[in-house]
Amino acid sequence: MAKNRLYKVVFLNHGKVYELYARGVSSSGLWGFLEVSELVFEDGDSLVVDPTEEKLRQEFDGVSVLHLPVQSVLRVEEVEKRGQAVIRDRESGEKVTPFPVTASKRKKT
């Protein structure tokens, strides 16, 4: 009996590092692309909603198969359980917040 496989796919997209989870990863019919299918996101039933994961869910809403250029794929791992889907800054590795952050104004002395 085949087990239900789960993959962590890490790739570059517009200068950011995306980490997504999917049930299917294979060579694409498009030359030079990797096919990622059945994206897995956290259930929307929890009380705490991660804004980054919600942004990813909205960005990939309606996508049945994602074709990624092989050059953009950093890593594919087969994992036991799903972690948090995130977007990281390519340079620092810090988690990117999807909300605009405004600097507070300082008083001049």
PDB file of N, CA and C in Angstrom:
ATOM      1  N   MET A   1       0.839  -1.180   0.000  1.00  0.00           N
ATOM      2  CA  MET A   1       0.000   0.000   0.000  1.00  0.00           C
ATOM      3  C   MET A   1       0.889   1.249   0.000  1.00  0.00           C
ATOM      4  N   ALA A   2       0.677   2.119  -0.957  1.00  0.00           N
ATOM      5  CA  ALA A   2       1.492   3.333  -1.083  1.00  0.00           C
ATOM      6  C   ALA A   2       1.124   4.337  -0.007  1.00  0.00           C
ATOM      7  N   LYS A   3       2.142   4.885   0.616  1.00  0.00           N
ATOM      8  CA  LYS A   3       1.853   5.883   1.638  1.00  0.00           C
ATOM      9  C   LYS A   3       1.578   7.228   0.971  1.00  0.00           C
ATOM     10  N   ASN A   4       0.862   8.079   1.651  1.00  0.00           N
ATOM     11  CA  ASN A   4       0.516   9.397   1.133  1.00  0.00           C
ATOM     12  C   ASN A   4       1.714  10.315   1.326  1.00  0.00           C
ATOM     13  N   ARG A   5       2.484  10.527   0.279  1.00  0.00           N
ATOM     14  CA  ARG A   5       3.727  11.294   0.365  1.00  0.00           C
ATOM     15  C   ARG A   5       3.459  12.784   0.530  1.00  0.00           C
ATOM     16  N   LEU A   6       4.401  13.443   1.190  1.00  0.00           N
ATOM     17  CA  LEU A   6       4.327  14.889   1.398  1.00  0.00           C
ATOM     18  C   LEU A   6       5.718  15.467   1.142  1.00  0.00           C
ATOM     19  N   TYR A   7       5.762  16.544   0.352  1.00  0.00           N
ATOM     20  CA  TYR A   7       7.023  17.166  -0.018  1.00  0.00           C
ATOM     21  C   TYR A   7       7.068  18.618   0.424  1.00  0.00           C
ATOM     22  N   LYS A   8       8.237  19.031   0.880  1.00  0.00           N
ATOM     23  CA  LYS A   8       8.506  20.441   1.152  1.00  0.00           C
ATOM     24  C   LYS A   8       9.304  20.945  -0.045  1.00  0.00           C
ATOM     25  N   VAL A   9       8.769  21.970  -0.732  1.00  0.00           N
ATOM     26  CA  VAL A   9       9.405  22.512  -1.923  1.00  0.00           C
ATOM     27  C   VAL A   9       9.860  23.931  -1.612  1.00  0.00           C
ATOM     28  N   VAL A  10      11.148  24.189  -1.765  1.00  0.00           N
ATOM     29  CA  VAL A  10      11.730  25.508  -1.493  1.00  0.00           C
ATOM     30  C   VAL A  10      12.218  26.072  -2.823  1.00  0.00           C
ATOM     31  N   PHE A  11      11.722  27.277  -3.180  1.00  0.00           N
ATOM     32  CA  PHE A  11      12.085  27.862  -4.464  1.00  0.00           C
ATOM     33  C   PHE A  11      12.123  29.381  -4.390  1.00  0.00           C
ATOM     34  N   LEU A  12      12.809  29.986  -5.360  1.00  0.00           N
ATOM     35  CA  LEU A  12      12.901  31.447  -5.454  1.00  0.00           C
ATOM     36  C   LEU A  12      11.762  31.978  -6.309  1.00  0.00           C
ATOM     37  N   ASN A  13      11.148  33.081  -5.848  1.00  0.00           N
ATOM     38  CA  ASN A  13      10.075  33.726  -6.590  1.00  0.00           C
ATOM     39  C   ASN A  13      10.143  35.221  -6.321  1.00  0.00           C
ATOM     40  N   HIS A  14      10.452  36.017  -7.335  1.00  0.00           N
ATOM     41  CA  HIS A  14      10.528  37.479  -7.226  1.00  0.00           C
ATOM     42  C   HIS A  14      11.442  37.927  -6.085  1.00  0.00           C
ATOM     43  N   GLY A  15      12.604  37.298  -5.954  1.00  0.00           N
ATOM     44  CA  GLY A  15      13.588  37.685  -4.955  1.00  0.00           C
ATOM     45  C   GLY A  15      13.298  37.202  -3.547  1.00  0.00           C
ATOM     46  N   LYS A  16      12.265  36.409  -3.380  1.00  0.00           N
ATOM     47  CA  LYS A  16      11.922  35.841  -2.071  1.00  0.00           C
ATOM     48  C   LYS A  16      12.044  34.322  -2.142  1.00  0.00           C
ATOM     49  N   VAL A  17      12.268  33.690  -0.987  1.00  0.00           N
ATOM     50  CA  VAL A  17      12.343  32.241  -0.901  1.00  0.00           C
ATOM     51  C   VAL A  17      11.003  31.729  -0.370  1.00  0.00           C
ATOM     52  N   TYR A  18      10.321  30.939  -1.180  1.00  0.00           N
ATOM     53  CA  TYR A  18       9.025  30.363  -0.802  1.00  0.00           C
ATOM     54  C   TYR A  18       9.239  28.943  -0.318  1.00  0.00           C
ATOM     55  N   GLU A  19       8.523  28.567   0.748  1.00  0.00           N
ATOM     56  CA  GLU A  19       8.529  27.193   1.239  1.00  0.00           C
ATOM     57  C   GLU A  19       7.083  26.721   1.251  1.00  0.00           C
ATOM     58  N   LEU A  20       6.763  25.768   0.373  1.00  0.00           N
ATOM     59  CA  LEU A  20       5.415  25.233   0.254  1.00  0.00           C
ATOM     60  C   LEU A  20       5.425  23.730   0.472  1.00  0.00           C
ATOM     61  N   TYR A  21       4.260  23.178   0.778  1.00  0.00           N
ATOM     62  CA  TYR A  21       4.104  21.737   0.937  1.00  0.00           C
ATOM     63  C   TYR A  21       3.141  21.240  -0.124  1.00  0.00           C
ATOM     64  N   ALA A  22       3.456  20.067  -0.698  1.00  0.00           N
ATOM     65  CA  ALA A  22       2.638  19.509  -1.764  1.00  0.00           C
ATOM     66  C   ALA A  22       2.643  17.986  -1.690  1.00  0.00           C
ATOM     67  N   ARG A  23       1.612  17.386  -2.257  1.00  0.00           N
ATOM     68  CA  ARG A  23       1.504  15.925  -2.299  1.00  0.00           C
ATOM     69  C   ARG A  23       2.202  15.336  -3.522  1.00  0.00           C
ATOM     70  N   GLY A  24       2.360  16.136  -4.576  1.00  0.00           N
ATOM     71  CA  GLY A  24       2.964  15.609  -5.791  1.00  0.00           C
ATOM     72  C   GLY A  24       4.073  16.498  -6.335  1.00  0.00           C
ATOM     73  N   VAL A  25       5.214  15.903  -6.658  1.00  0.00           N
ATOM     74  CA  VAL A  25       6.337  16.596  -7.295  1.00  0.00           C
ATOM     75  C   VAL A  25       6.887  15.653  -8.360  1.00  0.00           C
ATOM     76  N   SER A  26       7.024  16.177  -9.583  1.00  0.00           N
ATOM     77  CA  SER A  26       7.553  15.349 -10.668  1.00  0.00           C
ATOM     78  C   SER A  26       8.118  16.233 -11.772  1.00  0.00           C
ATOM     79  N   SER A  27       8.756  15.606 -12.739  1.00  0.00           N
ATOM     80  CA  SER A  27       9.227  16.339 -13.913  1.00  0.00           C
ATOM     81  C   SER A  27       8.012  16.807 -14.684  1.00  0.00           C
ATOM     82  N   SER A  28       8.085  18.017 -15.187  1.00  0.00           N
ATOM     83  CA  SER A  28       6.972  18.584 -15.931  1.00  0.00           C
ATOM     84  C   SER A  28       7.053  18.176 -17.395  1.00  0.00           C
ATOM     85  N   GLY A  29       5.916  18.217 -18.072  1.00  0.00           N
ATOM     86  CA  GLY A  29       5.883  18.017 -19.506  1.00  0.00           C
ATOM     87  C   GLY A  29       6.508  19.191 -20.236  1.00  0.00           C
ATOM     88  N   LEU A  30       6.634  20.308 -19.546  1.00  0.00           N
ATOM     89  CA  LEU A  30       7.312  21.482 -20.091  1.00  0.00           C
ATOM     90  C   LEU A  30       8.804  21.317 -19.818  1.00  0.00           C
ATOM     91  N   TRP A  31       9.621  21.393 -20.839  1.00  0.00           N
ATOM     92  CA  TRP A  31      11.048  21.161 -20.697  1.00  0.00           C
ATOM     93  C   TRP A  31      11.668  22.188 -19.754  1.00  0.00           C
ATOM     94  N   GLY A  32      12.439  21.727 -18.752  1.00  0.00           N
ATOM     95  CA  GLY A  32      13.152  22.607 -17.838  1.00  0.00           C
ATOM     96  C   GLY A  32      12.319  23.054 -16.643  1.00  0.00           C
ATOM     97  N   PHE A  33      11.164  22.424 -16.425  1.00  0.00           N
ATOM     98  CA  PHE A  33      10.291  22.805 -15.320  1.00  0.00           C
ATOM     99  C   PHE A  33      10.033  21.617 -14.410  1.00  0.00           C
ATOM    100  N   LEU A  34       9.717  21.904 -13.146  1.00  0.00           N
ATOM    101  CA  LEU A  34       9.327  20.909 -12.160  1.00  0.00           C
ATOM    102  C   LEU A  34       7.840  21.101 -11.899  1.00  0.00           C
ATOM    103  N   GLU A  35       7.104  20.028 -11.851  1.00  0.00           N
ATOM    104  CA  GLU A  35       5.655  20.087 -11.643  1.00  0.00           C
ATOM    105  C   GLU A  35       5.333  19.817 -10.174  1.00  0.00           C
ATOM    106  N   VAL A  36       4.668  20.772  -9.533  1.00  0.00           N
ATOM    107  CA  VAL A  36       4.271  20.641  -8.134  1.00  0.00           C
ATOM    108  C   VAL A  36       2.747  20.674  -8.090  1.00  0.00           C
ATOM    109  N   SER A  37       2.137  19.630  -7.532  1.00  0.00           N
ATOM    110  CA  SER A  37       0.680  19.538  -7.518  1.00  0.00           C
ATOM    111  C   SER A  37       0.152  19.250  -6.120  1.00  0.00           C
ATOM    112  N   GLU A  38      -1.135  19.462  -5.947  1.00  0.00           N
ATOM    113  CA  GLU A  38      -1.837  19.228  -4.676  1.00  0.00           C
ATOM    114  C   GLU A  38      -1.168  19.980  -3.522  1.00  0.00           C
ATOM    115  N   LEU A  39      -1.116  21.307  -3.638  1.00  0.00           N
ATOM    116  CA  LEU A  39      -0.538  22.128  -2.574  1.00  0.00           C
ATOM    117  C   LEU A  39      -1.307  21.917  -1.278  1.00  0.00           C
ATOM    118  N   VAL A  40      -0.581  21.868  -0.160  1.00  0.00           N
ATOM    119  CA  VAL A  40      -1.180  21.595   1.143  1.00  0.00           C
ATOM    120  C   VAL A  40      -1.001  22.819   2.035  1.00  0.00           C
ATOM    121  N   PHE A  41      -2.124  23.328   2.544  1.00  0.00           N
ATOM    122  CA  PHE A  41      -2.105  24.448   3.482  1.00  0.00           C
ATOM    123  C   PHE A  41      -2.814  24.031   4.759  1.00  0.00           C
ATOM    124  N   GLU A  42      -2.577  24.790   5.829  1.00  0.00           N
ATOM    125  CA  GLU A  42      -3.219  24.515   7.107  1.00  0.00           C
ATOM    126  C   GLU A  42      -4.724  24.677   6.968  1.00  0.00           C
ATOM    127  N   ASP A  43      -5.472  23.860   7.709  1.00  0.00           N
ATOM    128  CA  ASP A  43      -6.930  23.988   7.712  1.00  0.00           C
ATOM    129  C   ASP A  43      -7.312  25.357   8.245  1.00  0.00           C
ATOM    130  N   GLY A  44      -8.357  25.940   7.709  1.00  0.00           N
ATOM    131  CA  GLY A  44      -8.816  27.247   8.148  1.00  0.00           C
ATOM    132  C   GLY A  44      -9.638  27.196   9.418  1.00  0.00           C
ATOM    133  N   ASP A  45      -9.645  26.032  10.106  1.00  0.00           N
ATOM    134  CA  ASP A  45     -10.476  25.857  11.292  1.00  0.00           C
ATOM    135  C   ASP A  45      -9.833  26.370  12.578  1.00  0.00           C
ATOM    136  N   SER A  46      -8.546  26.674  12.566  1.00  0.00           N
ATOM    137  CA  SER A  46      -7.872  27.069  13.799  1.00  0.00           C
ATOM    138  C   SER A  46      -8.199  28.519  14.165  1.00  0.00           C
ATOM    139  N   LEU A  47      -8.064  28.818  15.437  1.00  0.00           N
ATOM    140  CA  LEU A  47      -8.345  30.172  15.919  1.00  0.00           C
ATOM    141  C   LEU A  47      -7.246  31.151  15.543  1.00  0.00           C
ATOM    142  N   VAL A  48      -6.014  30.667  15.506  1.00  0.00           N
ATOM    143  CA  VAL A  48      -4.882  31.518  15.161  1.00  0.00           C
ATOM    144  C   VAL A  48      -4.587  31.357  13.670  1.00  0.00           C
ATOM    145  N   VAL A  49      -4.574  32.479  12.955  1.00  0.00           N
ATOM    146  CA  VAL A  49      -4.318  32.448  11.525  1.00  0.00           C
ATOM    147  C   VAL A  49      -2.954  33.081  11.258  1.00  0.00           C
ATOM    148  N   ASP A  50      -2.083  32.338  10.577  1.00  0.00           N
ATOM    149  CA  ASP A  50      -0.772  32.853  10.214  1.00  0.00           C
ATOM    150  C   ASP A  50      -0.941  33.712   8.957  1.00  0.00           C
ATOM    151  N   PRO A  51      -0.616  35.016   9.027  1.00  0.00           N
ATOM    152  CA  PRO A  51      -0.831  35.888   7.868  1.00  0.00           C
ATOM    153  C   PRO A  51      -0.011  35.500   6.645  1.00  0.00           C
ATOM    154  N   THR A  52       1.190  34.960   6.849  1.00  0.00           N
ATOM    155  CA  THR A  52       2.018  34.549   5.715  1.00  0.00           C
ATOM    156  C   THR A  52       1.392  33.363   5.001  1.00  0.00           C
ATOM    157  N   GLU A  53       0.944  32.382   5.765  1.00  0.00           N
ATOM    158  CA  GLU A  53       0.317  31.207   5.151  1.00  0.00           C
ATOM    159  C   GLU A  53      -0.988  31.589   4.471  1.00  0.00           C
ATOM    160  N   GLU A  54      -1.723  32.510   5.048  1.00  0.00           N
ATOM    161  CA  GLU A  54      -2.968  32.976   4.432  1.00  0.00           C
ATOM    162  C   GLU A  54      -2.668  33.689   3.112  1.00  0.00           C
ATOM    163  N   LYS A  55      -1.589  34.465   3.072  1.00  0.00           N
ATOM    164  CA  LYS A  55      -1.181  35.147   1.836  1.00  0.00           C
ATOM    165  C   LYS A  55      -0.824  34.117   0.764  1.00  0.00           C
ATOM    166  N   LEU A  56      -0.092  33.074   1.147  1.00  0.00           N
ATOM    167  CA  LEU A  56       0.268  32.022   0.202  1.00  0.00           C
ATOM    168  C   LEU A  56      -0.975  31.290  -0.301  1.00  0.00           C
ATOM    169  N   ARG A  57      -1.905  31.016   0.600  1.00  0.00           N
ATOM    170  CA  ARG A  57      -3.153  30.345   0.223  1.00  0.00           C
ATOM    171  C   ARG A  57      -3.894  31.176  -0.825  1.00  0.00           C
ATOM    172  N   GLN A  58      -3.960  32.486  -0.613  1.00  0.00           N
ATOM    173  CA  GLN A  58      -4.642  33.371  -1.557  1.00  0.00           C
ATOM    174  C   GLN A  58      -3.876  33.470  -2.878  1.00  0.00           C
ATOM    175  N   GLU A  59      -2.546  33.546  -2.800  1.00  0.00           N
ATOM    176  CA  GLU A  59      -1.732  33.661  -4.012  1.00  0.00           C
ATOM    177  C   GLU A  59      -1.881  32.439  -4.913  1.00  0.00           C
ATOM    178  N   PHE A  60      -1.975  31.258  -4.315  1.00  0.00           N
ATOM    179  CA  PHE A  60      -2.051  30.023  -5.087  1.00  0.00           C
ATOM    180  C   PHE A  60      -3.457  29.437  -5.132  1.00  0.00           C
ATOM    181  N   ASP A  61      -4.459  30.237  -4.778  1.00  0.00           N
ATOM    182  CA  ASP A  61      -5.851  29.805  -4.838  1.00  0.00           C
ATOM    183  C   ASP A  61      -6.225  29.467  -6.279  1.00  0.00           C
ATOM    184  N   GLY A  62      -6.794  28.314  -6.496  1.00  0.00           N
ATOM    185  CA  GLY A  62      -7.209  27.907  -7.830  1.00  0.00           C
ATOM    186  C   GLY A  62      -6.109  27.270  -8.665  1.00  0.00           C
ATOM    187  N   VAL A  63      -4.902  27.160  -8.127  1.00  0.00           N
ATOM    188  CA  VAL A  63      -3.786  26.553  -8.867  1.00  0.00           C
ATOM    189  C   VAL A  63      -3.842  25.043  -8.647  1.00  0.00           C
ATOM    190  N   SER A  64      -3.987  24.295  -9.746  1.00  0.00           N
ATOM    191  CA  SER A  64      -4.012  22.839  -9.606  1.00  0.00           C
ATOM    192  C   SER A  64      -2.605  22.253  -9.769  1.00  0.00           C
ATOM    193  N   VAL A  65      -1.801  22.847 -10.665  1.00  0.00           N
ATOM    194  CA  VAL A  65      -0.422  22.398 -10.873  1.00  0.00           C
ATOM    195  C   VAL A  65       0.458  23.624 -11.020  1.00  0.00           C
ATOM    196  N   LEU A  66       1.544  23.641 -10.287  1.00  0.00           N
ATOM    197  CA  LEU A  66       2.511  24.731 -10.330  1.00  0.00           C
ATOM    198  C   LEU A  66       3.730  24.235 -11.104  1.00  0.00           C
ATOM    199  N   HIS A  67       4.089  24.936 -12.176  1.00  0.00           N
ATOM    200  CA  HIS A  67       5.269  24.577 -12.964  1.00  0.00           C
ATOM    201  C   HIS A  67       6.381  25.556 -12.598  1.00  0.00           C
ATOM    202  N   LEU A  68       7.416  25.056 -11.944  1.00  0.00           N
ATOM    203  CA  LEU A  68       8.525  25.895 -11.493  1.00  0.00           C
ATOM    204  C   LEU A  68       9.746  25.664 -12.372  1.00  0.00           C
ATOM    205  N   PRO A  69      10.422  26.742 -12.800  1.00  0.00           N
ATOM    206  CA  PRO A  69      11.675  26.553 -13.543  1.00  0.00           C
ATOM    207  C   PRO A  69      12.685  25.814 -12.655  1.00  0.00           C
ATOM    208  N   VAL A  70      13.352  24.835 -13.202  1.00  0.00           N
ATOM    209  CA  VAL A  70      14.304  24.028 -12.429  1.00  0.00           C
ATOM    210  C   VAL A  70      15.352  24.913 -11.761  1.00  0.00           C
ATOM    211  N   GLN A  71      15.757  26.007 -12.431  1.00  0.00           N
ATOM    212  CA  GLN A  71      16.781  26.891 -11.881  1.00  0.00           C
ATOM    213  C   GLN A  71      16.309  27.612 -10.625  1.00  0.00           C
ATOM    214  N   SER A  72      15.000  27.751 -10.427  1.00  0.00           N
ATOM    215  CA  SER A  72      14.497  28.464  -9.253  1.00  0.00           C
ATOM    216  C   SER A  72      14.311  27.554  -8.045  1.00  0.00           C
ATOM    217  N   VAL A  73      14.340  26.243  -8.262  1.00  0.00           N
ATOM    218  CA  VAL A  73      14.112  25.288  -7.169  1.00  0.00           C
ATOM    219  C   VAL A  73      15.407  25.116  -6.382  1.00  0.00           C
ATOM    220  N   LEU A  74      15.329  25.409  -5.079  1.00  0.00           N
ATOM    221  CA  LEU A  74      16.496  25.275  -4.205  1.00  0.00           C
ATOM    222  C   LEU A  74      16.573  23.898  -3.566  1.00  0.00           C
ATOM    223  N   ARG A  75      15.389  23.340  -3.227  1.00  0.00           N
ATOM    224  CA  ARG A  75      15.390  22.087  -2.489  1.00  0.00           C
ATOM    225  C   ARG A  75      14.013  21.442  -2.540  1.00  0.00           C
ATOM    226  N   VAL A  76      13.995  20.113  -2.588  1.00  0.00           N
ATOM    227  CA  VAL A  76      12.768  19.332  -2.461  1.00  0.00           C
ATOM    228  C   VAL A  76      13.046  18.244  -1.444  1.00  0.00           C
ATOM    229  N   GLU A  77      12.216  18.199  -0.395  1.00  0.00           N
ATOM    230  CA  GLU A  77      12.400  17.202   0.663  1.00  0.00           C
ATOM    231  C   GLU A  77      11.118  16.399   0.829  1.00  0.00           C
ATOM    232  N   GLU A  78      11.241  15.102   1.006  1.00  0.00           N
ATOM    233  CA  GLU A  78      10.083  14.299   1.390  1.00  0.00           C
ATOM    234  C   GLU A  78      10.040  14.316   2.913  1.00  0.00           C
ATOM    235  N   VAL A  79       8.933  14.756   3.480  1.00  0.00           N
ATOM    236  CA  VAL A  79       8.833  14.944   4.925  1.00  0.00           C
ATOM    237  C   VAL A  79       7.711  14.084   5.504  1.00  0.00           C
ATOM    238  N   GLU A  80       7.779  13.878   6.814  1.00  0.00           N
ATOM    239  CA  GLU A  80       6.768  13.086   7.515  1.00  0.00           C
ATOM    240  C   GLU A  80       5.497  13.893   7.794  1.00  0.00           C
ATOM    241  N   LYS A  81       5.700  15.161   8.222  1.00  0.00           N
ATOM    242  CA  LYS A  81       4.527  15.985   8.519  1.00  0.00           C
ATOM    243  C   LYS A  81       4.741  17.409   8.021  1.00  0.00           C
ATOM    244  N   ARG A  82       3.647  18.096   7.832  1.00  0.00           N
ATOM    245  CA  ARG A  82       3.675  19.443   7.275  1.00  0.00           C
ATOM    246  C   ARG A  82       4.124  20.454   8.311  1.00  0.00           C
ATOM    247  N   GLY A  83       4.973  21.349   7.896  1.00  0.00           N
ATOM    248  CA  GLY A  83       5.386  22.467   8.730  1.00  0.00           C
ATOM    249  C   GLY A  83       4.653  23.722   8.276  1.00  0.00           C
ATOM    250  N   GLN A  84       5.192  24.849   8.625  1.00  0.00           N
ATOM    251  CA  GLN A  84       4.586  26.123   8.276  1.00  0.00           C
ATOM    252  C   GLN A  84       5.059  26.559   6.894  1.00  0.00           C
ATOM    253  N   ALA A  85       4.112  26.921   6.030  1.00  0.00           N
ATOM    254  CA  ALA A  85       4.461  27.479   4.721  1.00  0.00           C
ATOM    255  C   ALA A  85       4.865  28.931   4.949  1.00  0.00           C
ATOM    256  N   VAL A  86       6.010  29.336   4.410  1.00  0.00           N
ATOM    257  CA  VAL A  86       6.516  30.687   4.676  1.00  0.00           C
ATOM    258  C   VAL A  86       7.114  31.316   3.422  1.00  0.00           C
ATOM    259  N   ILE A  87       7.292  32.622   3.513  1.00  0.00           N
ATOM    260  CA  ILE A  87       8.048  33.386   2.526  1.00  0.00           C
ATOM    261  C   ILE A  87       9.186  34.028   3.295  1.00  0.00           C
ATOM    262  N   ARG A  88      10.409  33.825   2.825  1.00  0.00           N
ATOM    263  CA  ARG A  88      11.581  34.386   3.498  1.00  0.00           C
ATOM    264  C   ARG A  88      12.299  35.358   2.568  1.00  0.00           C
ATOM    265  N   ASP A  89      12.995  36.312   3.190  1.00  0.00           N
ATOM    266  CA  ASP A  89      13.847  37.211   2.429  1.00  0.00           C
ATOM    267  C   ASP A  89      15.050  36.408   1.951  1.00  0.00           C
ATOM    268  N   ARG A  90      15.431  36.576   0.704  1.00  0.00           N
ATOM    269  CA  ARG A  90      16.523  35.789   0.125  1.00  0.00           C
ATOM    270  C   ARG A  90      17.854  36.077   0.797  1.00  0.00           C
ATOM    271  N   GLU A  91      18.108  37.336   1.126  1.00  0.00           N
ATOM    272  CA  GLU A  91      19.407  37.716   1.693  1.00  0.00           C
ATOM    273  C   GLU A  91      19.537  37.350   3.166  1.00  0.00           C
ATOM    274  N   SER A  92      18.560  37.754   3.979  1.00  0.00           N
ATOM    275  CA  SER A  92      18.682  37.573   5.427  1.00  0.00           C
ATOM    276  C   SER A  92      18.126  36.244   5.919  1.00  0.00           C
ATOM    277  N   GLY A  93      17.212  35.637   5.169  1.00  0.00           N
ATOM    278  CA  GLY A  93      16.579  34.406   5.623  1.00  0.00           C
ATOM    279  C   GLY A  93      15.459  34.651   6.608  1.00  0.00           C
ATOM    280  N   GLU A  94      15.197  35.934   6.919  1.00  0.00           N
ATOM    281  CA  GLU A  94      14.127  36.279   7.859  1.00  0.00           C
ATOM    282  C   GLU A  94      12.764  36.079   7.208  1.00  0.00           C
ATOM    283  N   LYS A  95      11.797  35.688   8.024  1.00  0.00           N
ATOM    284  CA  LYS A  95      10.424  35.538   7.546  1.00  0.00           C
ATOM    285  C   LYS A  95       9.904  36.907   7.122  1.00  0.00           C
ATOM    286  N   VAL A  96       9.295  36.981   5.954  1.00  0.00           N
ATOM    287  CA  VAL A  96       8.786  38.237   5.419  1.00  0.00           C
ATOM    288  C   VAL A  96       7.347  38.414   5.871  1.00  0.00           C
ATOM    289  N   THR A  97       7.039  39.581   6.428  1.00  0.00           N
ATOM    290  CA  THR A  97       5.668  39.862   6.827  1.00  0.00           C
ATOM    291  C   THR A  97       4.924  40.461   5.642  1.00  0.00           C
ATOM    292  N   PRO A  98       3.709  39.984   5.346  1.00  0.00           N
ATOM    293  CA  PRO A  98       2.997  40.485   4.184  1.00  0.00           C
ATOM    294  C   PRO A  98       2.352  41.846   4.402  1.00  0.00           C
ATOM    295  N   PHE A  99       2.362  42.338   5.633  1.00  0.00           N
ATOM    296  CA  PHE A  99       1.736  43.615   5.925  1.00  0.00           C
ATOM    297  C   PHE A  99       2.749  44.745   5.820  1.00  0.00           C
ATOM    298  N   PRO A 100       2.318  45.915   5.323  1.00  0.00           N
ATOM    299  CA  PRO A 100       3.249  47.044   5.264  1.00  0.00           C
ATOM    300  C   PRO A 100       3.621  47.500   6.671  1.00  0.00           C
ATOM    301  N   VAL A 101       4.888  47.762   6.872  1.00  0.00           N
ATOM    302  CA  VAL A 101       5.366  48.209   8.182  1.00  0.00           C
ATOM    303  C   VAL A 101       5.794  49.663   8.030  1.00  0.00           C
ATOM    304  N   THR A 102       5.220  50.529   8.853  1.00  0.00           N
ATOM    305  CA  THR A 102       5.577  51.937   8.779  1.00  0.00           C
ATOM    306  C   THR A 102       6.461  52.276   9.971  1.00  0.00           C
ATOM    307  N   ALA A 103       7.445  53.104   9.730  1.00  0.00           N
ATOM    308  CA  ALA A 103       8.352  53.510  10.806  1.00  0.00           C
ATOM    309  C   ALA A 103       7.665  54.591  11.640  1.00  0.00           C
ATOM    310  N   SER A 104       7.849  54.513  12.940  1.00  0.00           N
ATOM    311  CA  SER A 104       7.259  55.534  13.803  1.00  0.00           C
ATOM    312  C   SER A 104       8.082  56.817  13.695  1.00  0.00           C
ATOM    313  N   LYS A 105       7.405  57.936  13.796  1.00  0.00           N
ATOM    314  CA  LYS A 105       8.088  59.226  13.694  1.00  0.00           C
ATOM    315  C   LYS A 105       8.742  59.550  15.018  1.00  0.00           C
ATOM    316  N   ARG A 106       9.974  60.040  14.956  1.00  0.00           N
ATOM    317  CA  ARG A 106      10.696  60.414  16.156  1.00  0.00           C
ATOM    318  C   ARG A 106      10.536  61.913  16.375  1.00  0.00           C
ATOM    319  N   LYS A 107      10.490  62.273  17.631  1.00  0.00           N
ATOM    320  CA  LYS A 107      10.437  63.692  17.978  1.00  0.00           C
ATOM    321  C   LYS A 107      11.818  64.311  17.821  1.00  0.00           C
ATOM    322  N   LYS A 108      11.860  65.494  17.242  1.00  0.00           N
ATOM    323  CA  LYS A 108      13.137  66.184  17.100  1.00  0.00           C
ATOM    324  C   LYS A 108      13.438  66.904  18.402  1.00  0.00           C
ATOM    325  N   THR A 109      14.698  66.843  18.824  1.00  0.00           N
ATOM    326  CA  THR A 109      15.070  67.520  20.072  1.00  0.00           C
ATOM    327  C   THR A 109      15.943  68.717  19.829  1.00  0.00           C
TER     328      THR A 109
END
